[in-house]
Amino acid sequence: MKQALLYSGLIISLLFAWPSQAHKFSTSWVQMSSGADHPAEFDWSWLLAEHDLAVLAPFMMDNTGRLLDADALLAQQVSFNNVINNMLQFNTDCPLEVLPVVHLEREVYAGQQSVRIYGHAGCPLASLQQVRVAQLFDKLKNHKVIVELTDTAERSVLSQSKAQWQLAK
């Protein structure tokens, strides 16, 4: 009897623990490339799982946790810009511009519904010295950000313990 209760308790605890273990960490991907049609700035994109975006910008989600439709998103542009500018930063002489939310693309990446955010940075890619995502980890503790310069295939992985990539120039 004692053994049956022990096994029952173990099974019940596994049932409750299993879903919480399924999402121990998340990953997003920032890609940067030279702006061929605008060499004074570079293009960037950030691929985030929709559930991570919901944590960072809950105002962009409906009451079911799905991304708002395009018209409702457009009304959130200022707040969206503020969130992204707080989460993703480049050197101080390289301001970040977020494209309007209507340019967001939804896609499935690694089996998860994701959102790709687009923008420009106000400096040539060759003058990029650092990428920072420090404030991101205040909200997403077990998150990793893969940062890639697509022109040179340089990469770094940012995390709570390494929230900045200092590029060697």
Foldseek 3Di string as FASTA:
>chain_A
DVVVVVVVVVVVVCVVVVVVVVPPEEEKEKEWEADPVDQFKIKIKIKDFLQLVCQQCVQQADPVSHGDDLVSQQVCFVVVQVSVQLQKDWPPVKHKAWDGPSPWDWDADPNGTIIMTMTMIRGGPVPTFKMFGQVSCVRRVRYKYWYAHVVVRDIDIAHNVRGMDGDDD
